[in-house]
All heavy atoms as atom14 arrays in JSON, in Angstrom:
{
  "sequence": "VRDLDIISQELRLKDIEFSEKALEAAEKIAKRGGQSLEVKQKKEEMA",
  "atom14_mask": [
    [1, 1, 1, 1, 1, 1, 1, 0, 0, 0, 0, 0, 0, 0],
    [1, 1, 1, 1, 1, 1, 1, 1, 1, 1, 1, 0, 0, 0],
    [1, 1, 1, 1, 1, 1, 1, 1, 0, 0, 0, 0, 0, 0],
    [1, 1, 1, 1, 1, 1, 1, 1, 0, 0, 0, 0, 0, 0],
    [1, 1, 1, 1, 1, 1, 1, 1, 0, 0, 0, 0, 0, 0],
    [1, 1, 1, 1, 1, 1, 1, 1, 0, 0, 0, 0, 0, 0],
    [1, 1, 1, 1, 1, 1, 1, 1, 0, 0, 0, 0, 0, 0],
    [1, 1, 1, 1, 1, 1, 0, 0, 0, 0, 0, 0, 0, 0],
    [1, 1, 1, 1, 1, 1, 1, 1, 1, 0, 0, 0, 0, 0],
    [1, 1, 1, 1, 1, 1, 1, 1, 1, 0, 0, 0, 0, 0],
    [1, 1, 1, 1, 1, 1, 1, 1, 0, 0, 0, 0, 0, 0],
    [1, 1, 1, 1, 1, 1, 1, 1, 1, 1, 1, 0, 0, 0],
    [1, 1, 1, 1, 1, 1, 1, 1, 0, 0, 0, 0, 0, 0],
    [1, 1, 1, 1, 1, 1, 1, 1, 1, 0, 0, 0, 0, 0],
    [1, 1, 1, 1, 1, 1, 1, 1, 0, 0, 0, 0, 0, 0],
    [1, 1, 1, 1, 1, 1, 1, 1, 0, 0, 0, 0, 0, 0],
    [1, 1, 1, 1, 1, 1, 1, 1, 1, 0, 0, 0, 0, 0],
    [1, 1, 1, 1, 1, 1, 1, 1, 1, 1, 1, 0, 0, 0],
    [1, 1, 1, 1, 1, 1, 0, 0, 0, 0, 0, 0, 0, 0],
    [1, 1, 1, 1, 1, 1, 1, 1, 1, 0, 0, 0, 0, 0],
    [1, 1, 1, 1, 1, 1, 1, 1, 1, 0, 0, 0, 0, 0],
    [1, 1, 1, 1, 1, 0, 0, 0, 0, 0, 0, 0, 0, 0],
    [1, 1, 1, 1, 1, 1, 1, 1, 0, 0, 0, 0, 0, 0],
    [1, 1, 1, 1, 1, 1, 1, 1, 1, 0, 0, 0, 0, 0],
    [1, 1, 1, 1, 1, 0, 0, 0, 0, 0, 0, 0, 0, 0],
    [1, 1, 1, 1, 1, 0, 0, 0, 0, 0, 0, 0, 0, 0],
    [1, 1, 1, 1, 1, 1, 1, 1, 1, 0, 0, 0, 0, 0],
    [1, 1, 1, 1, 1, 1, 1, 1, 1, 0, 0, 0, 0, 0],
    [1, 1, 1, 1, 1, 1, 1, 1, 0, 0, 0, 0, 0, 0],
    [1, 1, 1, 1, 1, 0, 0, 0, 0, 0, 0, 0, 0, 0],
    [1, 1, 1, 1, 1, 1, 1, 1, 1, 0, 0, 0, 0, 0],
    [1, 1, 1, 1, 1, 1, 1, 1, 1, 1, 1, 0, 0, 0],
    [1, 1, 1, 1, 0, 0, 0, 0, 0, 0, 0, 0, 0, 0],
    [1, 1, 1, 1, 0, 0, 0, 0, 0, 0, 0, 0, 0, 0],
    [1, 1, 1, 1, 1, 1, 1, 1, 1, 0, 0, 0, 0, 0],
    [1, 1, 1, 1, 1, 1, 0, 0, 0, 0, 0, 0, 0, 0],
    [1, 1, 1, 1, 1, 1, 1, 1, 0, 0, 0, 0, 0, 0],
    [1, 1, 1, 1, 1, 1, 1, 1, 1, 0, 0, 0, 0, 0],
    [1, 1, 1, 1, 1, 1, 1, 0, 0, 0, 0, 0, 0, 0],
    [1, 1, 1, 1, 1, 1, 1, 1, 1, 0, 0, 0, 0, 0],
    [1, 1, 1, 1, 1, 1, 1, 1, 1, 0, 0, 0, 0, 0],
    [1, 1, 1, 1, 1, 1, 1, 1, 1, 0, 0, 0, 0, 0],
    [1, 1, 1, 1, 1, 1, 1, 1, 1, 0, 0, 0, 0, 0],
    [1, 1, 1, 1, 1, 1, 1, 1, 1, 0, 0, 0, 0, 0],
    [1, 1, 1, 1, 1, 1, 1, 1, 1, 0, 0, 0, 0, 0],
    [1, 1, 1, 1, 1, 1, 1, 1, 0, 0, 0, 0, 0, 0],
    [1, 1, 1, 1, 1, 0, 0, 0, 0, 0, 0, 0, 0, 0]
  ],
  "atom14_positions": [
    [[1.79, -8.24, -32.34], [1.34, -8.43, -31.04], [2.6, -8.63, -30.14], [2.53, -8.08, -28.95], [0.43, -9.63, -30.91], [0.09, -10.08, -29.48], [-0.93, -9.34, -31.73], [0.0, 0.0, 0.0], [0.0, 0.0, 0.0], [0.0, 0.0, 0.0], [0.0, 0.0, 0.0], [0.0, 0.0, 0.0], [0.0, 0.0, 0.0], [0.0, 0.0, 0.0]],
    [[3.52, -9.37, -30.59], [4.75, -9.39, -29.69], [5.38, -8.09, -29.5], [5.8, -7.74, -28.42], [5.8, -10.3, -30.4], [7.1, -10.37, -29.7], [8.24, -10.77, -30.7], [8.32, -9.79, -31.74], [8.72, -10.11, -33.04], [9.2, -11.34, -33.33], [8.78, -9.19, -33.89], [0.0, 0.0, 0.0], [0.0, 0.0, 0.0], [0.0, 0.0, 0.0]],
    [[5.4, -7.27, -30.57], [5.99, -5.87, -30.33], [5.2, -5.04, -29.47], [5.78, -4.21, -28.62], [5.97, -5.17, -31.78], [6.89, -5.8, -32.8], [7.67, -6.92, -32.41], [6.88, -5.54, -33.98], [0.0, 0.0, 0.0], [0.0, 0.0, 0.0], [0.0, 0.0, 0.0], [0.0, 0.0, 0.0], [0.0, 0.0, 0.0], [0.0, 0.0, 0.0]],
    [[3.95, -5.1, -29.48], [2.98, -4.39, -28.54], [3.35, -4.95, -27.02], [3.38, -4.07, -26.22], [1.5, -4.68, -28.79], [0.98, -3.96, -30.04], [-0.43, -4.58, -30.46], [0.76, -2.5, -29.77], [0.0, 0.0, 0.0], [0.0, 0.0, 0.0], [0.0, 0.0, 0.0], [0.0, 0.0, 0.0], [0.0, 0.0, 0.0], [0.0, 0.0, 0.0]],
    [[3.47, -6.18, -27.0], [3.84, -6.72, -25.57], [5.13, -6.24, -25.08], [5.29, -5.77, -23.98], [3.87, -8.26, -25.62], [2.55, -9.0, -25.66], [1.61, -8.34, -25.11], [2.38, -10.05, -26.13], [0.0, 0.0, 0.0], [0.0, 0.0, 0.0], [0.0, 0.0, 0.0], [0.0, 0.0, 0.0], [0.0, 0.0, 0.0], [0.0, 0.0, 0.0]],
    [[6.14, -6.07, -25.92], [7.38, -5.62, -25.6], [7.33, -4.15, -25.03], [7.82, -3.76, -23.96], [8.53, -5.74, -26.74], [8.85, -7.15, -27.01], [9.74, -4.88, -26.5], [9.62, -7.3, -28.3], [0.0, 0.0, 0.0], [0.0, 0.0, 0.0], [0.0, 0.0, 0.0], [0.0, 0.0, 0.0], [0.0, 0.0, 0.0], [0.0, 0.0, 0.0]],
    [[6.77, -3.32, -25.89], [6.62, -1.92, -25.45], [5.85, -1.73, -24.22], [6.19, -0.97, -23.39], [6.14, -1.02, -26.64], [7.14, -0.96, -27.75], [5.79, 0.38, -26.18], [6.72, -0.08, -29.0], [0.0, 0.0, 0.0], [0.0, 0.0, 0.0], [0.0, 0.0, 0.0], [0.0, 0.0, 0.0], [0.0, 0.0, 0.0], [0.0, 0.0, 0.0]],
    [[4.81, -2.45, -24.09], [3.88, -2.39, -22.99], [4.68, -2.71, -21.72], [4.55, -2.01, -20.64], [2.58, -3.21, -23.15], [1.91, -3.28, -21.92], [0.0, 0.0, 0.0], [0.0, 0.0, 0.0], [0.0, 0.0, 0.0], [0.0, 0.0, 0.0], [0.0, 0.0, 0.0], [0.0, 0.0, 0.0], [0.0, 0.0, 0.0], [0.0, 0.0, 0.0]],
    [[5.47, -3.86, -21.85], [6.1, -4.27, -20.66], [7.24, -3.32, -20.29], [7.35, -3.11, -19.08], [6.76, -5.65, -20.97], [7.53, -6.24, -19.78], [8.09, -7.7, -20.03], [7.41, -8.35, -20.72], [9.14, -7.99, -19.32], [0.0, 0.0, 0.0], [0.0, 0.0, 0.0], [0.0, 0.0, 0.0], [0.0, 0.0, 0.0], [0.0, 0.0, 0.0]],
    [[7.89, -2.75, -21.33], [9.13, -1.87, -20.97], [8.47, -0.59, -20.23], [9.06, -0.12, -19.24], [9.83, -1.51, -22.17], [10.56, -2.72, -22.83], [11.59, -3.35, -21.8], [12.11, -2.75, -20.99], [11.69, -4.69, -22.03], [0.0, 0.0, 0.0], [0.0, 0.0, 0.0], [0.0, 0.0, 0.0], [0.0, 0.0, 0.0], [0.0, 0.0, 0.0]],
    [[7.41, -0.04, -20.71], [6.85, 1.14, -20.2], [6.28, 0.89, -18.68], [6.44, 1.62, -17.82], [5.7, 1.74, -21.01], [6.12, 2.19, -22.48], [4.95, 2.89, -23.0], [7.31, 3.1, -22.37], [0.0, 0.0, 0.0], [0.0, 0.0, 0.0], [0.0, 0.0, 0.0], [0.0, 0.0, 0.0], [0.0, 0.0, 0.0], [0.0, 0.0, 0.0]],
    [[5.66, -0.33, -18.56], [5.14, -0.67, -17.24], [6.32, -0.94, -16.2], [6.27, -0.5, -15.07], [4.24, -1.94, -17.37], [2.92, -1.55, -17.86], [1.98, -2.76, -17.86], [2.37, -3.88, -18.66], [3.06, -5.02, -18.19], [3.17, -5.04, -16.82], [3.4, -5.96, -18.96], [0.0, 0.0, 0.0], [0.0, 0.0, 0.0], [0.0, 0.0, 0.0]],
    [[7.31, -1.55, -16.65], [8.5, -1.85, -15.81], [9.15, -0.54, -15.27], [9.53, -0.38, -14.1], [9.52, -2.71, -16.4], [9.18, -4.15, -16.69], [10.14, -4.84, -17.54], [9.03, -4.94, -15.4], [0.0, 0.0, 0.0], [0.0, 0.0, 0.0], [0.0, 0.0, 0.0], [0.0, 0.0, 0.0], [0.0, 0.0, 0.0], [0.0, 0.0, 0.0]],
    [[9.28, 0.41, -16.23], [9.81, 1.72, -15.86], [8.87, 2.47, -14.9], [9.28, 3.12, -13.94], [10.14, 2.53, -17.03], [11.12, 3.68, -16.73], [12.53, 3.02, -16.56], [13.53, 4.04, -16.21], [14.83, 3.46, -15.85], [0.0, 0.0, 0.0], [0.0, 0.0, 0.0], [0.0, 0.0, 0.0], [0.0, 0.0, 0.0], [0.0, 0.0, 0.0]],
    [[7.56, 2.38, -15.12], [6.57, 3.06, -14.16], [6.63, 2.39, -12.93], [6.41, 3.11, -11.81], [5.2, 2.97, -14.78], [4.89, 4.1, -15.77], [5.85, 4.93, -15.85], [3.79, 4.12, -16.37], [0.0, 0.0, 0.0], [0.0, 0.0, 0.0], [0.0, 0.0, 0.0], [0.0, 0.0, 0.0], [0.0, 0.0, 0.0], [0.0, 0.0, 0.0]],
    [[6.8, 0.99, -12.77], [6.95, 0.37, -11.51], [8.17, 0.9, -10.74], [8.08, 1.19, -9.53], [7.06, -1.19, -11.7], [5.7, -1.71, -12.15], [7.44, -1.81, -10.26], [5.78, -3.19, -12.6], [0.0, 0.0, 0.0], [0.0, 0.0, 0.0], [0.0, 0.0, 0.0], [0.0, 0.0, 0.0], [0.0, 0.0, 0.0], [0.0, 0.0, 0.0]],
    [[9.2, 1.09, -11.43], [10.42, 1.66, -10.85], [10.24, 3.04, -10.32], [10.49, 3.4, -9.19], [11.66, 1.66, -11.88], [12.85, 2.22, -11.3], [13.94, 2.34, -12.53], [14.06, 1.45, -13.35], [14.65, 3.36, -12.52], [0.0, 0.0, 0.0], [0.0, 0.0, 0.0], [0.0, 0.0, 0.0], [0.0, 0.0, 0.0], [0.0, 0.0, 0.0]],
    [[9.59, 3.92, -11.16], [9.2, 5.27, -10.75], [8.33, 5.23, -9.52], [8.52, 6.04, -8.54], [8.51, 6.09, -11.82], [9.28, 6.35, -13.04], [8.74, 6.3, -14.33], [10.69, 6.61, -12.96], [9.49, 6.63, -15.44], [11.46, 7.06, -14.05], [10.89, 6.97, -15.39], [0.0, 0.0, 0.0], [0.0, 0.0, 0.0], [0.0, 0.0, 0.0]],
    [[7.32, 4.33, -9.53], [6.32, 4.31, -8.5], [6.99, 3.81, -7.09], [6.61, 4.33, -6.06], [5.17, 3.33, -8.8], [4.48, 3.89, -9.98], [0.0, 0.0, 0.0], [0.0, 0.0, 0.0], [0.0, 0.0, 0.0], [0.0, 0.0, 0.0], [0.0, 0.0, 0.0], [0.0, 0.0, 0.0], [0.0, 0.0, 0.0], [0.0, 0.0, 0.0]],
    [[7.83, 2.91, -7.3], [8.45, 2.32, -6.01], [9.33, 3.45, -5.41], [9.42, 3.46, -4.16], [9.28, 1.07, -6.39], [8.39, -0.04, -6.69], [9.16, -1.32, -7.09], [10.35, -1.16, -7.41], [8.5, -2.51, -6.97], [0.0, 0.0, 0.0], [0.0, 0.0, 0.0], [0.0, 0.0, 0.0], [0.0, 0.0, 0.0], [0.0, 0.0, 0.0]],
    [[9.94, 4.23, -6.21], [10.82, 5.43, -5.66], [9.88, 6.37, -4.94], [10.19, 6.88, -3.99], [11.62, 6.05, -6.76], [12.78, 5.18, -7.14], [13.53, 5.87, -8.26], [14.76, 4.96, -8.81], [15.47, 5.54, -9.88], [0.0, 0.0, 0.0], [0.0, 0.0, 0.0], [0.0, 0.0, 0.0], [0.0, 0.0, 0.0], [0.0, 0.0, 0.0]],
    [[8.72, 6.61, -5.54], [7.7, 7.6, -5.09], [7.3, 7.02, -3.74], [7.05, 7.76, -2.65], [6.64, 7.89, -6.11], [0.0, 0.0, 0.0], [0.0, 0.0, 0.0], [0.0, 0.0, 0.0], [0.0, 0.0, 0.0], [0.0, 0.0, 0.0], [0.0, 0.0, 0.0], [0.0, 0.0, 0.0], [0.0, 0.0, 0.0], [0.0, 0.0, 0.0]],
    [[6.89, 5.7, -3.62], [6.39, 5.11, -2.39], [7.43, 5.15, -1.3], [7.09, 5.5, -0.19], [6.11, 3.65, -2.76], [5.42, 2.81, -1.58], [4.12, 3.35, -1.3], [5.29, 1.28, -2.06], [0.0, 0.0, 0.0], [0.0, 0.0, 0.0], [0.0, 0.0, 0.0], [0.0, 0.0, 0.0], [0.0, 0.0, 0.0], [0.0, 0.0, 0.0]],
    [[8.75, 4.96, -1.61], [9.79, 5.1, -0.72], [9.79, 6.49, -0.1], [10.0, 6.64, 1.2], [11.08, 4.68, -1.22], [12.22, 4.51, -0.3], [13.51, 4.16, -0.98], [13.48, 3.32, -1.97], [14.63, 4.5, -0.57], [0.0, 0.0, 0.0], [0.0, 0.0, 0.0], [0.0, 0.0, 0.0], [0.0, 0.0, 0.0], [0.0, 0.0, 0.0]],
    [[9.72, 7.47, -1.02], [9.81, 8.85, -0.46], [8.65, 9.23, 0.44], [8.81, 9.87, 1.43], [9.95, 9.83, -1.74], [0.0, 0.0, 0.0], [0.0, 0.0, 0.0], [0.0, 0.0, 0.0], [0.0, 0.0, 0.0], [0.0, 0.0, 0.0], [0.0, 0.0, 0.0], [0.0, 0.0, 0.0], [0.0, 0.0, 0.0], [0.0, 0.0, 0.0]],
    [[7.44, 8.74, 0.05], [6.21, 9.12, 0.85], [6.26, 8.35, 2.16], [5.91, 8.84, 3.18], [4.9, 8.61, -0.03], [0.0, 0.0, 0.0], [0.0, 0.0, 0.0], [0.0, 0.0, 0.0], [0.0, 0.0, 0.0], [0.0, 0.0, 0.0], [0.0, 0.0, 0.0], [0.0, 0.0, 0.0], [0.0, 0.0, 0.0], [0.0, 0.0, 0.0]],
    [[6.82, 7.12, 2.17], [6.95, 6.29, 3.33], [7.81, 7.01, 4.36], [7.61, 6.98, 5.59], [7.36, 4.93, 3.03], [7.28, 3.91, 4.15], [7.52, 2.62, 3.6], [8.36, 2.43, 2.64], [7.33, 1.57, 4.37], [0.0, 0.0, 0.0], [0.0, 0.0, 0.0], [0.0, 0.0, 0.0], [0.0, 0.0, 0.0], [0.0, 0.0, 0.0]],
    [[8.86, 7.59, 3.97], [9.87, 8.36, 4.86], [9.07, 9.41, 5.68], [9.28, 9.55, 6.95], [10.92, 8.91, 4.1], [12.07, 7.87, 3.63], [13.2, 8.62, 2.91], [14.23, 7.64, 2.44], [15.27, 8.27, 1.6], [0.0, 0.0, 0.0], [0.0, 0.0, 0.0], [0.0, 0.0, 0.0], [0.0, 0.0, 0.0], [0.0, 0.0, 0.0]],
    [[8.27, 10.1, 5.02], [7.55, 11.2, 5.73], [6.43, 10.6, 6.55], [6.15, 11.06, 7.76], [6.93, 12.14, 4.71], [8.03, 12.84, 3.85], [5.98, 13.24, 5.34], [7.61, 13.8, 2.68], [0.0, 0.0, 0.0], [0.0, 0.0, 0.0], [0.0, 0.0, 0.0], [0.0, 0.0, 0.0], [0.0, 0.0, 0.0], [0.0, 0.0, 0.0]],
    [[5.66, 9.63, 5.99], [4.61, 8.96, 6.84], [5.18, 8.31, 8.06], [4.37, 8.35, 9.13], [3.93, 7.9, 5.89], [0.0, 0.0, 0.0], [0.0, 0.0, 0.0], [0.0, 0.0, 0.0], [0.0, 0.0, 0.0], [0.0, 0.0, 0.0], [0.0, 0.0, 0.0], [0.0, 0.0, 0.0], [0.0, 0.0, 0.0], [0.0, 0.0, 0.0]],
    [[6.43, 7.86, 8.18], [6.91, 7.22, 9.31], [7.16, 8.13, 10.45], [7.48, 7.69, 11.59], [8.18, 6.43, 8.94], [7.96, 5.12, 8.27], [9.28, 4.38, 7.99], [8.95, 3.02, 7.41], [10.28, 2.34, 7.08], [0.0, 0.0, 0.0], [0.0, 0.0, 0.0], [0.0, 0.0, 0.0], [0.0, 0.0, 0.0], [0.0, 0.0, 0.0]],
    [[7.18, 9.4, 10.24], [7.31, 10.42, 11.25], [6.36, 10.33, 12.38], [6.49, 10.64, 13.43], [7.49, 11.77, 10.67], [8.58, 12.02, 9.69], [8.42, 13.5, 9.16], [9.3, 13.73, 8.13], [9.35, 14.81, 7.35], [8.34, 15.68, 7.47], [10.25, 14.95, 6.25], [0.0, 0.0, 0.0], [0.0, 0.0, 0.0], [0.0, 0.0, 0.0]],
    [[5.13, 9.82, 11.94], [3.99, 9.69, 12.81], [3.46, 11.04, 13.06], [3.55, 12.11, 12.54], [0.0, 0.0, 0.0], [0.0, 0.0, 0.0], [0.0, 0.0, 0.0], [0.0, 0.0, 0.0], [0.0, 0.0, 0.0], [0.0, 0.0, 0.0], [0.0, 0.0, 0.0], [0.0, 0.0, 0.0], [0.0, 0.0, 0.0], [0.0, 0.0, 0.0]],
    [[2.44, 11.09, 14.1], [1.84, 12.25, 14.39], [0.42, 12.44, 13.59], [0.09, 11.56, 12.75], [0.0, 0.0, 0.0], [0.0, 0.0, 0.0], [0.0, 0.0, 0.0], [0.0, 0.0, 0.0], [0.0, 0.0, 0.0], [0.0, 0.0, 0.0], [0.0, 0.0, 0.0], [0.0, 0.0, 0.0], [0.0, 0.0, 0.0], [0.0, 0.0, 0.0]],
    [[-0.22, 13.56, 13.75], [-1.47, 13.91, 13.12], [-1.4, 15.0, 12.13], [-2.42, 15.61, 11.84], [-2.53, 14.08, 14.16], [-2.86, 12.91, 15.13], [-3.28, 11.66, 14.5], [-4.14, 11.76, 13.55], [-2.72, 10.57, 14.77], [0.0, 0.0, 0.0], [0.0, 0.0, 0.0], [0.0, 0.0, 0.0], [0.0, 0.0, 0.0], [0.0, 0.0, 0.0]],
    [[-0.24, 15.39, 11.72], [-0.03, 16.49, 10.89], [-0.68, 16.2, 9.46], [-0.86, 15.06, 9.06], [1.43, 16.82, 10.57], [2.02, 15.93, 9.8], [0.0, 0.0, 0.0], [0.0, 0.0, 0.0], [0.0, 0.0, 0.0], [0.0, 0.0, 0.0], [0.0, 0.0, 0.0], [0.0, 0.0, 0.0], [0.0, 0.0, 0.0], [0.0, 0.0, 0.0]],
    [[-1.08, 17.29, 8.86], [-1.75, 17.08, 7.52], [-0.88, 16.46, 6.51], [-1.2, 15.6, 5.78], [-2.21, 18.55, 6.91], [-2.9, 18.54, 5.62], [-4.13, 17.79, 5.69], [-3.2, 20.01, 5.29], [0.0, 0.0, 0.0], [0.0, 0.0, 0.0], [0.0, 0.0, 0.0], [0.0, 0.0, 0.0], [0.0, 0.0, 0.0], [0.0, 0.0, 0.0]],
    [[0.38, 16.77, 6.49], [1.37, 16.19, 5.67], [1.54, 14.7, 5.85], [1.49, 13.96, 4.83], [2.74, 16.88, 5.79], [3.88, 16.34, 4.81], [5.15, 17.01, 4.98], [5.5, 17.45, 6.16], [5.98, 16.97, 4.04], [0.0, 0.0, 0.0], [0.0, 0.0, 0.0], [0.0, 0.0, 0.0], [0.0, 0.0, 0.0], [0.0, 0.0, 0.0]],
    [[1.61, 14.27, 7.02], [1.64, 12.77, 7.27], [0.45, 12.03, 6.84], [0.44, 11.1, 6.16], [1.93, 12.56, 8.83], [1.69, 11.03, 9.11], [3.24, 13.02, 9.29], [0.0, 0.0, 0.0], [0.0, 0.0, 0.0], [0.0, 0.0, 0.0], [0.0, 0.0, 0.0], [0.0, 0.0, 0.0], [0.0, 0.0, 0.0], [0.0, 0.0, 0.0]],
    [[-0.71, 12.76, 7.04], [-2.06, 12.06, 6.7], [-1.96, 12.04, 5.12], [-2.45, 10.95, 4.5], [-3.16, 12.95, 7.03], [-4.56, 12.5, 6.7], [-5.62, 13.34, 7.23], [-6.94, 12.83, 6.7], [-8.12, 13.75, 7.11], [0.0, 0.0, 0.0], [0.0, 0.0, 0.0], [0.0, 0.0, 0.0], [0.0, 0.0, 0.0], [0.0, 0.0, 0.0]],
    [[-1.64, 13.06, 4.5], [-1.57, 13.05, 2.97], [-0.64, 12.05, 2.45], [-0.97, 11.32, 1.45], [-1.2, 14.45, 2.51], [-2.2, 15.53, 2.7], [-1.79, 16.86, 2.21], [-0.59, 17.23, 2.28], [-2.59, 17.86, 1.84], [0.0, 0.0, 0.0], [0.0, 0.0, 0.0], [0.0, 0.0, 0.0], [0.0, 0.0, 0.0], [0.0, 0.0, 0.0]],
    [[0.53, 11.82, 3.01], [1.52, 10.88, 2.57], [1.08, 9.5, 2.78], [1.33, 8.55, 1.88], [2.82, 11.04, 3.2], [3.54, 12.35, 2.74], [3.83, 12.34, 1.23], [4.44, 13.68, 0.91], [4.56, 13.75, -0.61], [0.0, 0.0, 0.0], [0.0, 0.0, 0.0], [0.0, 0.0, 0.0], [0.0, 0.0, 0.0], [0.0, 0.0, 0.0]],
    [[0.25, 9.26, 3.79], [-0.34, 7.89, 4.02], [-1.35, 7.55, 2.91], [-1.41, 6.51, 2.36], [-0.97, 7.86, 5.38], [0.03, 7.58, 6.6], [-0.73, 7.54, 7.97], [0.36, 7.43, 9.05], [-0.29, 7.32, 10.35], [0.0, 0.0, 0.0], [0.0, 0.0, 0.0], [0.0, 0.0, 0.0], [0.0, 0.0, 0.0], [0.0, 0.0, 0.0]],
    [[-2.26, 8.56, 2.53], [-3.11, 8.34, 1.45], [-2.45, 8.18, 0.17], [-2.76, 7.41, -0.69], [-4.06, 9.71, 1.35], [-4.94, 9.77, 2.54], [-5.81, 11.03, 2.5], [-5.61, 11.86, 1.61], [-6.66, 11.23, 3.44], [0.0, 0.0, 0.0], [0.0, 0.0, 0.0], [0.0, 0.0, 0.0], [0.0, 0.0, 0.0], [0.0, 0.0, 0.0]],
    [[-1.4, 8.89, -0.01], [-0.49, 8.81, -1.19], [0.13, 7.46, -1.37], [0.08, 6.84, -2.5], [0.56, 9.87, -1.2], [1.15, 10.33, -2.56], [2.07, 11.44, -2.45], [1.65, 12.6, -2.24], [3.26, 11.23, -2.56], [0.0, 0.0, 0.0], [0.0, 0.0, 0.0], [0.0, 0.0, 0.0], [0.0, 0.0, 0.0], [0.0, 0.0, 0.0]],
    [[0.6, 6.93, -0.21], [1.15, 5.57, -0.25], [0.15, 4.5, -0.71], [0.52, 3.71, -1.42], [1.57, 5.23, 1.15], [2.93, 5.85, 1.51], [3.36, 5.58, 3.28], [3.49, 3.8, 3.19], [0.0, 0.0, 0.0], [0.0, 0.0, 0.0], [0.0, 0.0, 0.0], [0.0, 0.0, 0.0], [0.0, 0.0, 0.0], [0.0, 0.0, 0.0]],
    [[-1.14, 4.73, -0.22], [-2.16, 3.7, -0.61], [-2.4, 3.7, -2.13], [-2.5, 2.74, -2.85], [-3.35, 3.9, 0.16], [0.0, 0.0, 0.0], [0.0, 0.0, 0.0], [0.0, 0.0, 0.0], [0.0, 0.0, 0.0], [0.0, 0.0, 0.0], [0.0, 0.0, 0.0], [0.0, 0.0, 0.0], [0.0, 0.0, 0.0], [0.0, 0.0, 0.0]]
  ]
}
């Protein structure tokens, strides 16, 4: 059970890192503002 916890935590921590980088990339485009389809998509992606 401890071993399961270790692997679960390491995979989740790495996924949090991946996700935070993806969020940052989407946020840069969303901050441009406007009503373009790309901006709308990135706002949905951020959520």
